[in-house]
Amino acid sequence: MSSISIETTNENKLTVQEYVRYVKIKEKLQEFLDSKTVKEMLCDSESSINGLSIDLVVKFSIKR
């Protein structure tokens, strides 16, 4: 697997309470992405086609 990443735009626009909730959401999502099931599925998918590379990017964007 090439990469799994989380990107955030404008997180500095959140209030303190919102930021705390955002961090918890981000942690839960990272735990899910790090799970063995997700990694195995991506690796199996990549190995099914010679030369296939999967980059998974999750983007958080705060629009205010």
Protein backbone atom coordinates (compact mmCIF):
# COMPACT_ATOMS: atom_id res chain seq x y z
CA MET A 1 0.00 0.00 0.00
CA SER A 2 1.36 3.38 -0.95
CA SER A 3 -0.14 5.63 1.69
CA ILE A 4 -3.03 6.55 3.94
CA SER A 5 -3.19 10.16 5.08
CA ILE A 6 -5.51 12.66 6.71
CA GLU A 7 -5.42 16.32 5.68
CA THR A 8 -7.19 19.26 7.28
CA THR A 9 -7.96 22.74 5.98
CA ASN A 10 -8.88 25.66 8.24
CA GLU A 11 -8.88 23.76 11.53
CA ASN A 12 -7.83 27.02 13.19
CA LYS A 13 -11.38 28.32 12.47
CA LEU A 14 -12.86 26.00 15.10
CA THR A 15 -13.80 27.02 18.61
CA VAL A 16 -12.03 25.21 21.44
CA GLN A 17 -15.03 22.92 22.02
CA GLU A 18 -15.30 22.15 18.31
CA TYR A 19 -11.57 21.49 18.10
CA VAL A 20 -11.74 18.98 20.95
CA ARG A 21 -14.59 17.17 19.15
CA TYR A 22 -12.66 17.36 15.87
CA VAL A 23 -9.59 15.75 17.45
CA LYS A 24 -11.73 12.89 18.78
CA ILE A 25 -13.29 12.34 15.35
CA LYS A 26 -9.86 12.41 13.72
CA GLU A 27 -8.50 9.88 16.24
CA LYS A 28 -11.42 7.50 15.66
CA LEU A 29 -10.99 7.76 11.90
CA GLN A 30 -7.26 7.10 12.21
CA GLU A 31 -7.96 4.01 14.34
CA PHE A 32 -10.33 2.75 11.64
CA LEU A 33 -7.80 3.39 8.87
CA ASP A 34 -5.09 1.64 10.88
CA SER A 35 -7.25 -1.43 11.41
CA LYS A 36 -5.98 -4.70 10.02
CA THR A 37 -9.12 -5.20 7.93
CA VAL A 38 -8.71 -1.93 6.01
CA LYS A 39 -4.99 -2.46 5.42
CA GLU A 40 -5.51 -6.04 4.27
CA MET A 41 -8.28 -5.00 1.87
CA LEU A 42 -6.09 -2.32 0.33
CA CYS A 43 -3.08 -4.65 0.06
CA ASP A 44 -5.22 -7.39 -1.52
CA SER A 45 -6.61 -4.87 -3.99
CA GLU A 46 -3.14 -3.65 -4.93
CA SER A 47 -1.80 -7.15 -5.41
CA SER A 48 -4.72 -8.06 -7.69
CA ILE A 49 -3.36 -5.83 -10.49
CA ASN A 50 0.35 -5.71 -11.24
CA GLY A 51 1.64 -2.19 -10.64
CA LEU A 52 -1.51 -0.89 -8.94
CA SER A 53 -0.84 1.61 -6.17
CA ILE A 54 -3.59 2.98 -3.93
CA ASP A 55 -3.24 6.29 -2.08
CA LEU A 56 -6.08 6.97 0.34
CA VAL A 57 -6.49 10.60 1.42
CA VAL A 58 -9.17 11.78 3.84
CA LYS A 59 -9.70 15.54 3.75
CA PHE A 60 -11.33 17.55 6.50
CA SER A 61 -12.32 21.05 5.43
CA ILE A 62 -13.79 23.66 7.74
CA LYS A 63 -15.80 26.19 5.74
CA ARG A 64 -16.59 29.33 7.68
